[in-house]
Amino acid sequence: MRRCLMIGLALAALCGASTFAEARPPTVMNSPGYDARLQESRKALGSSPTATAPANAPVAKPKRSKKKQTN
């Protein structure tokens, strides 16, 4: 009887401890300060006139294919 009680307590402790485990790394957390700074920087980047059209890209020449040999 005592052995069953100890096994039951061990299982209960194991199940209780497993509820604390999370499936994400400890570096992933909600940080209101970081989120606010991130939103501010995104607003600043979105309103900046530095975004320009790309320059004329060089046109790639078509690749030469090998000629098929006639039999």
N, C-alpha and C. Protein backbone atom coordinates (compact mmCIF):
# COMPACT_ATOMS: atom_id res chain seq x y z
N MET A 1 0.83 -1.19 0.00
CA MET A 1 0.00 0.00 0.00
C MET A 1 0.87 1.25 0.00
N ARG A 2 1.92 1.20 0.80
CA ARG A 2 2.79 2.35 0.88
C ARG A 2 3.51 2.59 -0.46
N ARG A 3 3.86 1.51 -1.13
CA ARG A 3 4.54 1.62 -2.42
C ARG A 3 3.62 2.26 -3.46
N CYS A 4 2.36 1.87 -3.50
CA CYS A 4 1.39 2.47 -4.43
C CYS A 4 1.21 3.96 -4.14
N LEU A 5 1.20 4.31 -2.87
CA LEU A 5 1.07 5.71 -2.48
C LEU A 5 2.27 6.52 -2.96
N MET A 6 3.47 5.97 -2.81
CA MET A 6 4.68 6.68 -3.25
C MET A 6 4.70 6.83 -4.78
N ILE A 7 4.28 5.78 -5.49
CA ILE A 7 4.24 5.87 -6.95
C ILE A 7 3.21 6.91 -7.38
N GLY A 8 2.07 6.94 -6.72
CA GLY A 8 1.04 7.93 -7.03
C GLY A 8 1.53 9.35 -6.78
N LEU A 9 2.21 9.55 -5.65
CA LEU A 9 2.74 10.89 -5.36
C LEU A 9 3.82 11.28 -6.37
N ALA A 10 4.65 10.33 -6.76
CA ALA A 10 5.69 10.63 -7.74
C ALA A 10 5.06 11.00 -9.09
N LEU A 11 4.04 10.27 -9.50
CA LEU A 11 3.36 10.60 -10.75
C LEU A 11 2.68 11.96 -10.68
N ALA A 12 2.06 12.26 -9.54
CA ALA A 12 1.41 13.55 -9.38
C ALA A 12 2.43 14.69 -9.44
N ALA A 13 3.60 14.48 -8.81
CA ALA A 13 4.65 15.50 -8.84
C ALA A 13 5.18 15.67 -10.25
N LEU A 14 5.34 14.57 -10.98
CA LEU A 14 5.84 14.64 -12.35
C LEU A 14 4.85 15.38 -13.25
N CYS A 15 3.58 15.07 -13.11
CA CYS A 15 2.56 15.75 -13.91
C CYS A 15 2.48 17.23 -13.56
N GLY A 16 2.60 17.53 -12.28
CA GLY A 16 2.55 18.93 -11.85
C GLY A 16 3.75 19.71 -12.36
N ALA A 17 4.92 19.07 -12.37
CA ALA A 17 6.12 19.76 -12.84
C ALA A 17 6.09 19.95 -14.35
N SER A 18 5.43 19.05 -15.05
CA SER A 18 5.40 19.16 -16.51
C SER A 18 4.51 20.31 -16.97
N THR A 19 3.64 20.81 -16.12
CA THR A 19 2.79 21.94 -16.52
C THR A 19 3.60 23.23 -16.62
N PHE A 20 4.78 23.28 -15.99
CA PHE A 20 5.60 24.48 -16.04
C PHE A 20 6.41 24.55 -17.33
N ALA A 21 6.57 23.44 -18.01
CA ALA A 21 7.35 23.41 -19.24
C ALA A 21 6.58 24.11 -20.36
N GLU A 22 7.28 24.94 -21.10
CA GLU A 22 6.67 25.65 -22.21
C GLU A 22 7.40 25.27 -23.49
N ALA A 23 6.72 25.36 -24.60
CA ALA A 23 7.29 24.94 -25.87
C ALA A 23 7.94 26.10 -26.61
N ARG A 24 8.46 27.06 -25.93
CA ARG A 24 9.15 28.17 -26.56
C ARG A 24 10.45 28.44 -25.82
N PRO A 25 11.43 29.01 -26.48
CA PRO A 25 12.69 29.29 -25.81
C PRO A 25 12.51 30.42 -24.79
N PRO A 26 13.36 30.48 -23.81
CA PRO A 26 13.20 31.50 -22.77
C PRO A 26 13.43 32.93 -23.27
N THR A 27 14.00 33.09 -24.47
CA THR A 27 14.24 34.44 -24.98
C THR A 27 12.99 35.05 -25.59
N VAL A 28 11.97 34.24 -25.84
CA VAL A 28 10.73 34.76 -26.42
C VAL A 28 9.82 35.20 -25.29
N MET A 29 9.66 36.50 -25.16
CA MET A 29 8.78 37.01 -24.11
C MET A 29 8.16 38.32 -24.56
N ASN A 30 7.10 38.68 -23.94
CA ASN A 30 6.44 39.94 -24.26
C ASN A 30 7.17 41.06 -23.55
N SER A 31 7.58 42.05 -24.28
CA SER A 31 8.27 43.20 -23.72
C SER A 31 7.62 44.47 -24.26
N PRO A 32 6.81 45.14 -23.43
CA PRO A 32 6.12 46.33 -23.93
C PRO A 32 7.07 47.44 -24.36
N GLY A 33 8.21 47.59 -23.69
CA GLY A 33 9.17 48.62 -24.07
C GLY A 33 9.77 48.34 -25.44
N TYR A 34 10.13 47.10 -25.67
CA TYR A 34 10.70 46.73 -26.96
C TYR A 34 9.67 46.89 -28.07
N ASP A 35 8.44 46.46 -27.81
CA ASP A 35 7.39 46.59 -28.82
C ASP A 35 7.14 48.06 -29.17
N ALA A 36 7.15 48.92 -28.17
CA ALA A 36 6.93 50.34 -28.44
C ALA A 36 8.06 50.92 -29.28
N ARG A 37 9.31 50.58 -28.95
CA ARG A 37 10.44 51.09 -29.74
C ARG A 37 10.40 50.54 -31.16
N LEU A 38 10.00 49.29 -31.29
CA LEU A 38 9.92 48.69 -32.62
C LEU A 38 8.88 49.39 -33.47
N GLN A 39 7.73 49.70 -32.88
CA GLN A 39 6.68 50.40 -33.63
C GLN A 39 7.14 51.81 -34.02
N GLU A 40 7.84 52.49 -33.11
CA GLU A 40 8.34 53.83 -33.43
C GLU A 40 9.33 53.78 -34.58
N SER A 41 10.23 52.80 -34.54
CA SER A 41 11.23 52.74 -35.61
C SER A 41 10.57 52.38 -36.93
N ARG A 42 9.55 51.55 -36.90
CA ARG A 42 8.86 51.21 -38.15
C ARG A 42 8.12 52.42 -38.70
N LYS A 43 7.53 53.23 -37.82
CA LYS A 43 6.86 54.45 -38.29
C LYS A 43 7.88 55.39 -38.91
N ALA A 44 9.03 55.52 -38.28
CA ALA A 44 10.07 56.41 -38.80
C ALA A 44 10.56 55.93 -40.15
N LEU A 45 10.72 54.63 -40.32
CA LEU A 45 11.19 54.10 -41.59
C LEU A 45 10.12 54.22 -42.66
N GLY A 46 8.86 54.08 -42.28
CA GLY A 46 7.78 54.16 -43.26
C GLY A 46 7.57 55.55 -43.80
N SER A 47 7.85 56.58 -43.00
CA SER A 47 7.61 57.94 -43.43
C SER A 47 8.85 58.59 -44.03
N SER A 48 9.98 57.88 -44.04
CA SER A 48 11.20 58.48 -44.57
C SER A 48 11.19 58.44 -46.10
N PRO A 49 11.68 59.51 -46.73
CA PRO A 49 11.69 59.56 -48.20
C PRO A 49 12.91 58.86 -48.80
N THR A 50 13.61 58.04 -48.05
CA THR A 50 14.83 57.41 -48.55
C THR A 50 14.54 56.26 -49.50
N ALA A 51 13.32 55.79 -49.52
CA ALA A 51 12.99 54.68 -50.42
C ALA A 51 12.93 55.21 -51.84
N THR A 52 13.81 54.70 -52.69
CA THR A 52 13.87 55.15 -54.07
C THR A 52 13.69 53.95 -54.98
N ALA A 53 13.40 54.25 -56.22
CA ALA A 53 13.26 53.19 -57.22
C ALA A 53 14.65 52.65 -57.54
N PRO A 54 14.77 51.37 -57.81
CA PRO A 54 16.08 50.82 -58.11
C PRO A 54 16.62 51.37 -59.43
N ALA A 55 17.92 51.46 -59.51
CA ALA A 55 18.56 51.94 -60.73
C ALA A 55 18.34 50.92 -61.84
N ASN A 56 18.63 51.36 -63.06
CA ASN A 56 18.46 50.44 -64.18
C ASN A 56 19.38 49.23 -63.99
N ALA A 57 18.77 48.10 -63.87
CA ALA A 57 19.54 46.88 -63.66
C ALA A 57 20.13 46.43 -64.98
N PRO A 58 21.35 45.90 -64.96
CA PRO A 58 21.93 45.42 -66.21
C PRO A 58 21.13 44.24 -66.75
N VAL A 59 20.94 44.26 -68.05
CA VAL A 59 20.17 43.20 -68.69
C VAL A 59 21.07 42.01 -68.90
N ALA A 60 20.63 40.86 -68.45
CA ALA A 60 21.43 39.64 -68.60
C ALA A 60 21.34 39.14 -70.03
N LYS A 61 22.49 38.78 -70.57
CA LYS A 61 22.51 38.25 -71.93
C LYS A 61 21.99 36.83 -71.90
N PRO A 62 21.31 36.41 -72.94
CA PRO A 62 20.82 35.02 -72.96
C PRO A 62 21.99 34.05 -73.03
N LYS A 63 21.85 32.95 -72.33
CA LYS A 63 22.91 31.96 -72.31
C LYS A 63 22.91 31.18 -73.61
N ARG A 64 24.09 30.83 -74.07
CA ARG A 64 24.20 30.06 -75.29
C ARG A 64 23.99 28.59 -74.96
N SER A 65 23.20 27.94 -75.76
CA SER A 65 22.99 26.53 -75.56
C SER A 65 23.86 25.73 -76.49
N LYS A 66 24.17 24.52 -76.10
CA LYS A 66 25.00 23.66 -76.94
C LYS A 66 24.20 23.21 -78.14
N LYS A 67 24.90 23.12 -79.27
CA LYS A 67 24.23 22.64 -80.47
C LYS A 67 24.10 21.13 -80.40
N LYS A 68 22.98 20.63 -80.83
CA LYS A 68 22.77 19.20 -80.84
C LYS A 68 23.52 18.59 -82.01
N GLN A 69 24.17 17.47 -81.77
CA GLN A 69 24.90 16.79 -82.84
C GLN A 69 23.94 15.98 -83.69
N THR A 70 24.15 16.06 -84.98
CA THR A 70 23.31 15.27 -85.89
C THR A 70 23.98 13.93 -86.13
N ASN A 71 23.21 12.90 -86.20
CA ASN A 71 23.76 11.56 -86.42
C ASN A 71 23.82 11.21 -87.87
